[in-house]
Amino acid sequence: MSKIQKQSRRARLFFQSLFVLTPIAVCYYWLTVETSYDFLTSFGVIQVTHNIDSYTQLPLTLTTRILASIASLFLCSIIMYALKVLINLFRSYERDEIFSLDNVMSYHKLGYSLFYWVGASVVYGALISVILSFNNPPGDRMLVIGFGGVDFLTLVLGFIILIISWVMKEGYILADENSHTI
């Protein structure tokens, strides 16, 4: 087994474990946040980008927790899609398929998944602000829409990955032409 195949196997196994753990962690977070079972944030395992206290001073109800979980799983589904694409990509590398059309399509899908991520994170931010502030008295409810520097960098990274997919496509065409040359 070559180094590429060995490292690709490790990367694939890592992404497969993330594929399973990500939705579990999201649900665990929302069901335990601000409770005595909140080990993820109390030990600093994860850092949250939004402060729940800035949206509401009331304790989170079960309905709020479930709605926040559903909204977060919506955003998580894009991460899981990208992880599935990465799993397929590294599985191809394990089979020693470097310049294949499937890999080109994987890079293409990865680039677009970053665009989906940015769009969904804007929607998610607005949705989570409404969900968390819904139990506030009228006049104290919030709708927060934001687009930050990280979102811009994510879009740039998406464009870079799309360019890489176009380069990989040219590499695939050249490899295919070379395989037919006698």
N, C-alpha and C. Protein backbone atom coordinates (compact mmCIF):
# COMPACT_ATOMS: atom_id res chain seq x y z
N MET A 1 0.85 -1.18 0.00
CA MET A 1 0.00 0.00 0.00
C MET A 1 0.89 1.24 0.00
N SER A 2 0.65 2.16 -0.95
CA SER A 2 1.47 3.36 -1.07
C SER A 2 1.12 4.36 0.03
N LYS A 3 1.96 5.39 0.16
CA LYS A 3 1.71 6.42 1.17
C LYS A 3 0.39 7.15 0.92
N ILE A 4 0.11 7.40 -0.36
CA ILE A 4 -1.14 8.09 -0.69
C ILE A 4 -2.33 7.23 -0.26
N GLN A 5 -2.27 5.95 -0.54
CA GLN A 5 -3.37 5.07 -0.17
C GLN A 5 -3.52 4.98 1.35
N LYS A 6 -2.40 4.89 2.05
CA LYS A 6 -2.44 4.77 3.51
C LYS A 6 -3.00 6.04 4.15
N GLN A 7 -2.53 7.20 3.71
CA GLN A 7 -3.01 8.45 4.27
C GLN A 7 -4.47 8.72 3.86
N SER A 8 -4.82 8.28 2.66
CA SER A 8 -6.20 8.45 2.21
C SER A 8 -7.15 7.61 3.06
N ARG A 9 -6.70 6.42 3.43
CA ARG A 9 -7.52 5.56 4.29
C ARG A 9 -7.73 6.23 5.66
N ARG A 10 -6.66 6.79 6.21
CA ARG A 10 -6.77 7.49 7.50
C ARG A 10 -7.72 8.68 7.41
N ALA A 11 -7.59 9.45 6.34
CA ALA A 11 -8.46 10.60 6.16
C ALA A 11 -9.91 10.16 5.99
N ARG A 12 -10.13 9.09 5.21
CA ARG A 12 -11.50 8.60 5.01
C ARG A 12 -12.11 8.14 6.33
N LEU A 13 -11.35 7.42 7.14
CA LEU A 13 -11.86 6.96 8.44
C LEU A 13 -12.17 8.13 9.36
N PHE A 14 -11.32 9.16 9.32
CA PHE A 14 -11.56 10.37 10.12
C PHE A 14 -12.86 11.04 9.68
N PHE A 15 -13.05 11.21 8.37
CA PHE A 15 -14.27 11.85 7.88
C PHE A 15 -15.51 11.00 8.14
N GLN A 16 -15.37 9.69 8.10
CA GLN A 16 -16.49 8.81 8.42
C GLN A 16 -16.89 8.97 9.89
N SER A 17 -15.90 9.08 10.76
CA SER A 17 -16.24 9.27 12.18
C SER A 17 -16.90 10.63 12.40
N LEU A 18 -16.41 11.67 11.71
CA LEU A 18 -17.06 12.98 11.81
C LEU A 18 -18.49 12.95 11.27
N PHE A 19 -18.70 12.15 10.22
CA PHE A 19 -20.03 12.02 9.63
C PHE A 19 -21.03 11.49 10.66
N VAL A 20 -20.59 10.58 11.49
CA VAL A 20 -21.46 10.00 12.51
C VAL A 20 -21.56 10.92 13.73
N LEU A 21 -20.45 11.50 14.16
CA LEU A 21 -20.42 12.28 15.39
C LEU A 21 -21.05 13.67 15.27
N THR A 22 -21.02 14.27 14.10
CA THR A 22 -21.50 15.65 13.95
C THR A 22 -22.98 15.81 14.32
N PRO A 23 -23.91 15.03 13.76
CA PRO A 23 -25.30 15.23 14.17
C PRO A 23 -25.55 14.86 15.63
N ILE A 24 -24.81 13.89 16.14
CA ILE A 24 -24.96 13.52 17.55
C ILE A 24 -24.52 14.68 18.44
N ALA A 25 -23.39 15.31 18.09
CA ALA A 25 -22.89 16.44 18.87
C ALA A 25 -23.84 17.63 18.81
N VAL A 26 -24.44 17.87 17.66
CA VAL A 26 -25.39 18.98 17.51
C VAL A 26 -26.60 18.76 18.41
N CYS A 27 -27.16 17.57 18.35
CA CYS A 27 -28.33 17.27 19.20
C CYS A 27 -27.97 17.31 20.68
N TYR A 28 -26.82 16.75 21.02
CA TYR A 28 -26.38 16.76 22.41
C TYR A 28 -26.20 18.19 22.90
N TYR A 29 -25.61 19.04 22.07
CA TYR A 29 -25.39 20.42 22.47
C TYR A 29 -26.71 21.11 22.83
N TRP A 30 -27.69 21.03 21.93
CA TRP A 30 -28.92 21.77 22.17
C TRP A 30 -29.77 21.16 23.28
N LEU A 31 -29.66 19.87 23.50
CA LEU A 31 -30.42 19.27 24.59
C LEU A 31 -29.78 19.51 25.95
N THR A 32 -28.49 19.83 25.98
CA THR A 32 -27.81 19.99 27.27
C THR A 32 -27.27 21.40 27.55
N VAL A 33 -27.33 22.30 26.58
CA VAL A 33 -26.75 23.63 26.79
C VAL A 33 -27.46 24.31 27.97
N GLU A 34 -26.63 24.97 28.79
CA GLU A 34 -27.10 25.66 30.00
C GLU A 34 -27.76 24.73 31.00
N THR A 35 -27.31 23.47 31.02
CA THR A 35 -27.74 22.51 32.04
C THR A 35 -26.48 21.96 32.72
N SER A 36 -26.68 21.13 33.71
CA SER A 36 -25.53 20.53 34.39
C SER A 36 -24.83 19.49 33.52
N TYR A 37 -25.46 19.06 32.42
CA TYR A 37 -24.87 18.07 31.52
C TYR A 37 -24.12 18.69 30.35
N ASP A 38 -23.93 19.98 30.37
CA ASP A 38 -23.29 20.71 29.27
C ASP A 38 -21.77 20.60 29.38
N PHE A 39 -21.23 19.44 28.97
CA PHE A 39 -19.79 19.21 29.05
C PHE A 39 -19.06 19.81 27.85
N LEU A 40 -19.75 19.96 26.72
CA LEU A 40 -19.08 20.44 25.50
C LEU A 40 -18.58 21.87 25.65
N THR A 41 -19.40 22.75 26.17
CA THR A 41 -18.97 24.15 26.31
C THR A 41 -18.29 24.41 27.63
N SER A 42 -18.66 23.70 28.70
CA SER A 42 -18.04 23.96 30.00
C SER A 42 -16.57 23.55 30.03
N PHE A 43 -16.20 22.50 29.28
CA PHE A 43 -14.80 22.09 29.21
C PHE A 43 -14.08 22.69 28.01
N GLY A 44 -14.77 23.52 27.24
CA GLY A 44 -14.14 24.18 26.10
C GLY A 44 -13.93 23.28 24.90
N VAL A 45 -14.70 22.18 24.80
CA VAL A 45 -14.57 21.28 23.65
C VAL A 45 -15.01 21.99 22.39
N ILE A 46 -16.09 22.78 22.49
CA ILE A 46 -16.55 23.57 21.35
C ILE A 46 -16.70 25.02 21.77
N GLN A 47 -16.55 25.88 20.81
CA GLN A 47 -16.77 27.31 21.00
C GLN A 47 -17.97 27.69 20.14
N VAL A 48 -18.94 28.34 20.73
CA VAL A 48 -20.12 28.73 19.98
C VAL A 48 -19.95 30.14 19.45
N THR A 49 -20.55 30.39 18.29
CA THR A 49 -20.42 31.71 17.67
C THR A 49 -21.51 32.67 18.14
N HIS A 50 -22.56 32.13 18.72
CA HIS A 50 -23.64 32.99 19.21
C HIS A 50 -23.78 32.78 20.72
N ASN A 51 -24.06 33.87 21.41
CA ASN A 51 -24.24 33.83 22.85
C ASN A 51 -25.73 33.78 23.13
N ILE A 52 -26.17 32.71 23.74
CA ILE A 52 -27.60 32.53 23.99
C ILE A 52 -28.13 33.65 24.88
N ASP A 53 -27.32 34.11 25.81
CA ASP A 53 -27.76 35.17 26.72
C ASP A 53 -28.04 36.48 26.00
N SER A 54 -27.45 36.68 24.83
CA SER A 54 -27.72 37.92 24.10
C SER A 54 -29.09 37.88 23.42
N TYR A 55 -29.68 36.69 23.30
CA TYR A 55 -30.99 36.56 22.68
C TYR A 55 -32.11 36.48 23.71
N THR A 56 -31.85 35.86 24.84
CA THR A 56 -32.90 35.70 25.85
C THR A 56 -32.27 35.57 27.23
N GLN A 57 -32.99 36.04 28.23
CA GLN A 57 -32.57 35.88 29.62
C GLN A 57 -33.33 34.73 30.27
N LEU A 58 -34.33 34.21 29.57
CA LEU A 58 -35.15 33.12 30.09
C LEU A 58 -34.45 31.78 29.87
N PRO A 59 -34.74 30.81 30.72
CA PRO A 59 -34.18 29.47 30.45
C PRO A 59 -34.80 28.88 29.19
N LEU A 60 -34.03 28.07 28.48
CA LEU A 60 -34.52 27.48 27.23
C LEU A 60 -35.55 26.40 27.53
N THR A 61 -36.68 26.49 26.85
CA THR A 61 -37.71 25.47 27.02
C THR A 61 -37.38 24.26 26.14
N LEU A 62 -38.06 23.17 26.36
CA LEU A 62 -37.83 21.98 25.55
C LEU A 62 -38.18 22.25 24.09
N THR A 63 -39.25 22.99 23.86
CA THR A 63 -39.63 23.33 22.49
C THR A 63 -38.54 24.15 21.81
N THR A 64 -37.99 25.12 22.53
CA THR A 64 -36.91 25.94 21.98
C THR A 64 -35.70 25.08 21.66
N ARG A 65 -35.37 24.16 22.55
CA ARG A 65 -34.23 23.27 22.33
C ARG A 65 -34.44 22.39 21.09
N ILE A 66 -35.64 21.86 20.94
CA ILE A 66 -35.93 20.99 19.79
C ILE A 66 -35.90 21.79 18.49
N LEU A 67 -36.50 22.98 18.49
CA LEU A 67 -36.47 23.82 17.28
C LEU A 67 -35.05 24.25 16.94
N ALA A 68 -34.26 24.57 17.95
CA ALA A 68 -32.86 24.94 17.71
C ALA A 68 -32.08 23.75 17.18
N SER A 69 -32.38 22.56 17.68
CA SER A 69 -31.72 21.34 17.16
C SER A 69 -32.06 21.12 15.70
N ILE A 70 -33.33 21.29 15.35
CA ILE A 70 -33.75 21.10 13.96
C ILE A 70 -33.07 22.12 13.05
N ALA A 71 -33.04 23.38 13.49
CA ALA A 71 -32.38 24.43 12.68
C ALA A 71 -30.89 24.12 12.53
N SER A 72 -30.27 23.66 13.60
CA SER A 72 -28.83 23.35 13.53
C SER A 72 -28.57 22.12 12.68
N LEU A 73 -29.48 21.16 12.70
CA LEU A 73 -29.33 19.97 11.86
C LEU A 73 -29.48 20.33 10.38
N PHE A 74 -30.28 21.36 10.10
CA PHE A 74 -30.38 21.86 8.72
C PHE A 74 -29.01 22.32 8.23
N LEU A 75 -28.31 23.11 9.06
CA LEU A 75 -26.97 23.55 8.70
C LEU A 75 -25.99 22.37 8.70
N CYS A 76 -26.18 21.47 9.64
CA CYS A 76 -25.33 20.28 9.76
C CYS A 76 -25.45 19.38 8.53
N SER A 77 -26.60 19.39 7.89
CA SER A 77 -26.79 18.53 6.71
C SER A 77 -25.84 18.93 5.58
N ILE A 78 -25.50 20.20 5.48
CA ILE A 78 -24.54 20.64 4.47
C ILE A 78 -23.15 20.13 4.82
N ILE A 79 -22.81 20.17 6.09
CA ILE A 79 -21.52 19.62 6.53
C ILE A 79 -21.47 18.13 6.23
N MET A 80 -22.56 17.43 6.49
CA MET A 80 -22.59 15.99 6.25
C MET A 80 -22.50 15.68 4.77
N TYR A 81 -23.10 16.53 3.93
CA TYR A 81 -22.97 16.35 2.48
C TYR A 81 -21.51 16.49 2.06
N ALA A 82 -20.85 17.53 2.58
CA ALA A 82 -19.43 17.73 2.25
C ALA A 82 -18.58 16.58 2.78
N LEU A 83 -18.91 16.08 3.97
CA LEU A 83 -18.16 14.94 4.51
C LEU A 83 -18.36 13.70 3.64
N LYS A 84 -19.57 13.49 3.14
CA LYS A 84 -19.85 12.34 2.27
C LYS A 84 -19.03 12.46 0.98
N VAL A 85 -18.94 13.65 0.44
CA VAL A 85 -18.14 13.88 -0.77
C VAL A 85 -16.66 13.61 -0.47
N LEU A 86 -16.18 14.07 0.68
CA LEU A 86 -14.79 13.82 1.05
C LEU A 86 -14.52 12.33 1.27
N ILE A 87 -15.47 11.63 1.84
CA ILE A 87 -15.32 10.18 2.03
C ILE A 87 -15.18 9.49 0.69
N ASN A 88 -16.03 9.87 -0.27
CA ASN A 88 -15.94 9.27 -1.61
C ASN A 88 -14.63 9.64 -2.30
N LEU A 89 -14.18 10.87 -2.11
CA LEU A 89 -12.93 11.32 -2.73
C LEU A 89 -11.74 10.52 -2.20
N PHE A 90 -11.66 10.37 -0.90
CA PHE A 90 -10.53 9.64 -0.33
C PHE A 90 -10.64 8.13 -0.56
N ARG A 91 -11.85 7.65 -0.74
CA ARG A 91 -12.01 6.25 -1.12
C ARG A 91 -11.44 6.03 -2.52
N SER A 92 -11.63 6.99 -3.42
CA SER A 92 -11.03 6.91 -4.75
C SER A 92 -9.52 6.95 -4.67
N TYR A 93 -8.99 7.82 -3.82
CA TYR A 93 -7.54 7.89 -3.65
C TYR A 93 -6.99 6.58 -3.08
N GLU A 94 -7.77 5.93 -2.23
CA GLU A 94 -7.36 4.62 -1.70
C GLU A 94 -7.22 3.59 -2.82
N ARG A 95 -8.09 3.70 -3.82
CA ARG A 95 -8.04 2.79 -4.97
C ARG A 95 -7.02 3.24 -6.00
N ASP A 96 -6.24 4.27 -5.65
CA ASP A 96 -5.19 4.81 -6.51
C ASP A 96 -5.76 5.44 -7.78
N GLU A 97 -6.96 6.00 -7.66
CA GLU A 97 -7.59 6.73 -8.76
C GLU A 97 -7.42 8.22 -8.46
N ILE A 98 -6.43 8.83 -9.07
CA ILE A 98 -6.12 10.22 -8.78
C ILE A 98 -6.84 11.15 -9.76
N PHE A 99 -6.58 11.00 -11.05
CA PHE A 99 -7.22 11.85 -12.06
C PHE A 99 -8.37 11.10 -12.69
N SER A 100 -9.48 11.02 -11.97
CA SER A 100 -10.68 10.37 -12.51
C SER A 100 -11.80 11.39 -12.57
N LEU A 101 -12.78 11.10 -13.37
CA LEU A 101 -13.92 12.00 -13.51
C LEU A 101 -14.70 12.09 -12.21
N ASP A 102 -14.76 10.99 -11.44
CA ASP A 102 -15.44 11.02 -10.14
C ASP A 102 -14.76 12.00 -9.19
N ASN A 103 -13.44 12.04 -9.20
CA ASN A 103 -12.72 12.98 -8.34
C ASN A 103 -12.95 14.42 -8.76
N VAL A 104 -13.01 14.65 -10.06
CA VAL A 104 -13.31 15.98 -10.57
C VAL A 104 -14.67 16.43 -10.06
N MET A 105 -15.64 15.53 -10.15
CA MET A 105 -16.99 15.86 -9.67
C MET A 105 -17.01 16.06 -8.16
N SER A 106 -16.17 15.32 -7.44
CA SER A 106 -16.10 15.48 -5.98
C SER A 106 -15.59 16.87 -5.62
N TYR A 107 -14.54 17.33 -6.30
CA TYR A 107 -14.04 18.68 -6.05
C TYR A 107 -15.08 19.74 -6.42
N HIS A 108 -15.78 19.49 -7.50
CA HIS A 108 -16.83 20.40 -7.93
C HIS A 108 -17.92 20.49 -6.86
N LYS A 109 -18.34 19.35 -6.35
CA LYS A 109 -19.37 19.31 -5.31
C LYS A 109 -18.88 19.97 -4.01
N LEU A 110 -17.61 19.77 -3.69
CA LEU A 110 -17.06 20.40 -2.49
C LEU A 110 -17.08 21.93 -2.60
N GLY A 111 -16.70 22.43 -3.77
CA GLY A 111 -16.73 23.88 -3.98
C GLY A 111 -18.13 24.44 -3.81
N TYR A 112 -19.11 23.78 -4.41
CA TYR A 112 -20.48 24.25 -4.29
C TYR A 112 -21.03 24.07 -2.88
N SER A 113 -20.57 23.05 -2.17
CA SER A 113 -21.05 22.86 -0.79
C SER A 113 -20.61 24.01 0.10
N LEU A 114 -19.47 24.63 -0.20
CA LEU A 114 -19.06 25.81 0.57
C LEU A 114 -19.98 27.00 0.28
N PHE A 115 -20.42 27.13 -0.97
CA PHE A 115 -21.39 28.18 -1.29
C PHE A 115 -22.70 27.93 -0.56
N TYR A 116 -23.15 26.67 -0.55
CA TYR A 116 -24.38 26.31 0.16
C TYR A 116 -24.23 26.62 1.65
N TRP A 117 -23.03 26.35 2.18
CA TRP A 117 -22.77 26.58 3.60
C TRP A 117 -22.95 28.06 3.95
N VAL A 118 -22.42 28.94 3.13
CA VAL A 118 -22.52 30.37 3.41
C VAL A 118 -23.97 30.82 3.36
N GLY A 119 -24.69 30.41 2.32
CA GLY A 119 -26.11 30.77 2.23
C GLY A 119 -26.92 30.23 3.40
N ALA A 120 -26.67 28.99 3.74
CA ALA A 120 -27.41 28.37 4.83
C ALA A 120 -27.03 28.98 6.18
N SER A 121 -25.78 29.41 6.34
CA SER A 121 -25.40 30.00 7.63
C SER A 121 -26.06 31.36 7.84
N VAL A 122 -26.30 32.10 6.76
CA VAL A 122 -27.03 33.36 6.88
C VAL A 122 -28.46 33.08 7.30
N VAL A 123 -29.09 32.09 6.66
CA VAL A 123 -30.46 31.70 7.02
C VAL A 123 -30.49 31.14 8.44
N TYR A 124 -29.51 30.33 8.78
CA TYR A 124 -29.44 29.73 10.12
C TYR A 124 -29.33 30.81 11.20
N GLY A 125 -28.48 31.80 10.97
CA GLY A 125 -28.32 32.88 11.96
C GLY A 125 -29.63 33.60 12.21
N ALA A 126 -30.37 33.86 11.13
CA ALA A 126 -31.67 34.52 11.28
C ALA A 126 -32.66 33.61 12.00
N LEU A 127 -32.67 32.35 11.61
CA LEU A 127 -33.61 31.39 12.20
C LEU A 127 -33.32 31.15 13.67
N ILE A 128 -32.06 30.99 14.02
CA ILE A 128 -31.72 30.71 15.42
C ILE A 128 -32.00 31.93 16.30
N SER A 129 -31.83 33.14 15.75
CA SER A 129 -32.14 34.34 16.54
C SER A 129 -33.64 34.42 16.84
N VAL A 130 -34.46 34.05 15.88
CA VAL A 130 -35.91 34.04 16.11
C VAL A 130 -36.29 32.94 17.11
N ILE A 131 -35.72 31.77 16.94
CA ILE A 131 -36.04 30.65 17.83
C ILE A 131 -35.65 30.96 19.28
N LEU A 132 -34.44 31.47 19.47
CA LEU A 132 -33.97 31.72 20.83
C LEU A 132 -34.66 32.90 21.50
N SER A 133 -35.11 33.86 20.73
CA SER A 133 -35.76 35.03 21.33
C SER A 133 -37.29 34.95 21.29
N PHE A 134 -37.83 33.85 20.83
CA PHE A 134 -39.28 33.74 20.65
C PHE A 134 -40.04 33.82 21.98
N ASN A 135 -39.46 33.32 23.06
CA ASN A 135 -40.15 33.35 24.36
C ASN A 135 -40.01 34.68 25.07
N ASN A 136 -39.27 35.61 24.50
CA ASN A 136 -39.17 36.95 25.07
C ASN A 136 -40.51 37.66 24.91
N PRO A 137 -40.77 38.67 25.74
CA PRO A 137 -42.00 39.44 25.56
C PRO A 137 -41.98 40.20 24.24
N PRO A 138 -43.14 40.50 23.68
CA PRO A 138 -43.18 41.26 22.43
C PRO A 138 -42.38 42.56 22.57
N GLY A 139 -41.62 42.85 21.55
CA GLY A 139 -40.74 44.02 21.57
C GLY A 139 -39.30 43.64 21.89
N ASP A 140 -39.10 42.47 22.50
CA ASP A 140 -37.75 42.00 22.83
C ASP A 140 -37.33 40.84 21.95
N ARG A 141 -38.17 40.46 21.02
CA ARG A 141 -37.82 39.38 20.10
C ARG A 141 -36.89 39.93 19.03
N MET A 142 -36.05 39.05 18.47
CA MET A 142 -35.03 39.53 17.54
C MET A 142 -35.01 38.72 16.25
N LEU A 143 -34.61 39.42 15.20
CA LEU A 143 -34.27 38.79 13.93
C LEU A 143 -32.91 39.35 13.54
N VAL A 144 -31.88 38.50 13.57
CA VAL A 144 -30.52 38.93 13.29
C VAL A 144 -30.05 38.26 12.01
N ILE A 145 -29.67 39.09 11.04
CA ILE A 145 -29.14 38.58 9.78
C ILE A 145 -27.71 39.11 9.66
N GLY A 146 -26.79 38.21 9.39
CA GLY A 146 -25.40 38.64 9.34
C GLY A 146 -24.59 37.92 8.28
N PHE A 147 -23.59 38.62 7.79
CA PHE A 147 -22.62 38.09 6.84
C PHE A 147 -21.26 38.59 7.29
N GLY A 148 -20.42 37.68 7.79
CA GLY A 148 -19.15 38.09 8.38
C GLY A 148 -17.97 37.80 7.48
N GLY A 149 -16.81 38.14 8.00
CA GLY A 149 -15.56 37.92 7.27
C GLY A 149 -15.30 36.45 6.99
N VAL A 150 -15.70 35.59 7.92
CA VAL A 150 -15.51 34.15 7.72
C VAL A 150 -16.35 33.67 6.53
N ASP A 151 -17.54 34.25 6.39
CA ASP A 151 -18.39 33.87 5.25
C ASP A 151 -17.74 34.28 3.94
N PHE A 152 -17.13 35.46 3.91
CA PHE A 152 -16.44 35.89 2.70
C PHE A 152 -15.27 34.96 2.38
N LEU A 153 -14.49 34.61 3.40
CA LEU A 153 -13.35 33.70 3.19
C LEU A 153 -13.83 32.32 2.72
N THR A 154 -14.97 31.89 3.23
CA THR A 154 -15.53 30.61 2.80
C THR A 154 -15.91 30.66 1.32
N LEU A 155 -16.47 31.78 0.88
CA LEU A 155 -16.78 31.94 -0.55
C LEU A 155 -15.51 31.91 -1.40
N VAL A 156 -14.46 32.57 -0.93
CA VAL A 156 -13.19 32.57 -1.66
C VAL A 156 -12.65 31.15 -1.74
N LEU A 157 -12.70 30.42 -0.63
CA LEU A 157 -12.24 29.04 -0.62
C LEU A 157 -13.07 28.18 -1.57
N GLY A 158 -14.38 28.44 -1.64
CA GLY A 158 -15.23 27.72 -2.59
C GLY A 158 -14.79 27.95 -4.03
N PHE A 159 -14.47 29.21 -4.36
CA PHE A 159 -13.98 29.51 -5.71
C PHE A 159 -12.65 28.80 -5.99
N ILE A 160 -11.78 28.78 -5.00
CA ILE A 160 -10.48 28.10 -5.18
C ILE A 160 -10.69 26.61 -5.44
N ILE A 161 -11.59 26.00 -4.69
CA ILE A 161 -11.85 24.57 -4.89
C ILE A 161 -12.48 24.32 -6.26
N LEU A 162 -13.33 25.21 -6.72
CA LEU A 162 -13.89 25.07 -8.08
C LEU A 162 -12.79 25.17 -9.14
N ILE A 163 -11.86 26.07 -8.94
CA ILE A 163 -10.73 26.18 -9.88
C ILE A 163 -9.91 24.89 -9.86
N ILE A 164 -9.68 24.34 -8.67
CA ILE A 164 -8.98 23.06 -8.57
C ILE A 164 -9.73 21.97 -9.31
N SER A 165 -11.07 21.99 -9.23
CA SER A 165 -11.84 20.98 -9.96
C SER A 165 -11.66 21.13 -11.47
N TRP A 166 -11.55 22.37 -11.95
CA TRP A 166 -11.33 22.57 -13.38
C TRP A 166 -9.93 22.09 -13.78
N VAL A 167 -8.94 22.33 -12.91
CA VAL A 167 -7.59 21.83 -13.18
C VAL A 167 -7.58 20.31 -13.17
N MET A 168 -8.27 19.71 -12.22
CA MET A 168 -8.36 18.25 -12.14
C MET A 168 -9.05 17.69 -13.39
N LYS A 169 -10.03 18.42 -13.91
CA LYS A 169 -10.71 17.96 -15.13
C LYS A 169 -9.75 17.96 -16.31
N GLU A 170 -8.93 19.01 -16.42
CA GLU A 170 -7.92 19.05 -17.48
C GLU A 170 -6.91 17.92 -17.31
N GLY A 171 -6.53 17.64 -16.06
CA GLY A 171 -5.63 16.52 -15.78
C GLY A 171 -6.25 15.19 -16.17
N TYR A 172 -7.54 15.06 -15.92
CA TYR A 172 -8.26 13.84 -16.31
C TYR A 172 -8.27 13.69 -17.83
N ILE A 173 -8.52 14.80 -18.55
CA ILE A 173 -8.55 14.75 -20.01
C ILE A 173 -7.18 14.37 -20.55
N LEU A 174 -6.11 14.97 -20.00
CA LEU A 174 -4.75 14.64 -20.44
C LEU A 174 -4.41 13.19 -20.12
N ALA A 175 -4.79 12.71 -18.94
CA ALA A 175 -4.51 11.32 -18.57
C ALA A 175 -5.27 10.37 -19.48
N ASP A 176 -6.49 10.74 -19.84
CA ASP A 176 -7.28 9.89 -20.74
C ASP A 176 -6.69 9.85 -22.13
N GLU A 177 -6.21 11.03 -22.62
CA GLU A 177 -5.56 11.07 -23.93
C GLU A 177 -4.28 10.26 -23.94
N ASN A 178 -3.49 10.34 -22.87
CA ASN A 178 -2.24 9.60 -22.78
C ASN A 178 -2.49 8.10 -22.71
N SER A 179 -3.59 7.69 -22.11
CA SER A 179 -3.86 6.25 -22.02
C SER A 179 -4.24 5.67 -23.38
N HIS A 180 -4.71 6.52 -24.31
CA HIS A 180 -5.09 6.04 -25.65
C HIS A 180 -3.96 6.17 -26.66
N THR A 181 -2.84 6.83 -26.24
CA THR A 181 -1.70 7.00 -27.14
C THR A 181 -0.86 5.72 -27.18
N ILE A 182 -0.51 5.33 -28.38
CA ILE A 182 0.29 4.09 -28.54
C ILE A 182 1.74 4.45 -28.78
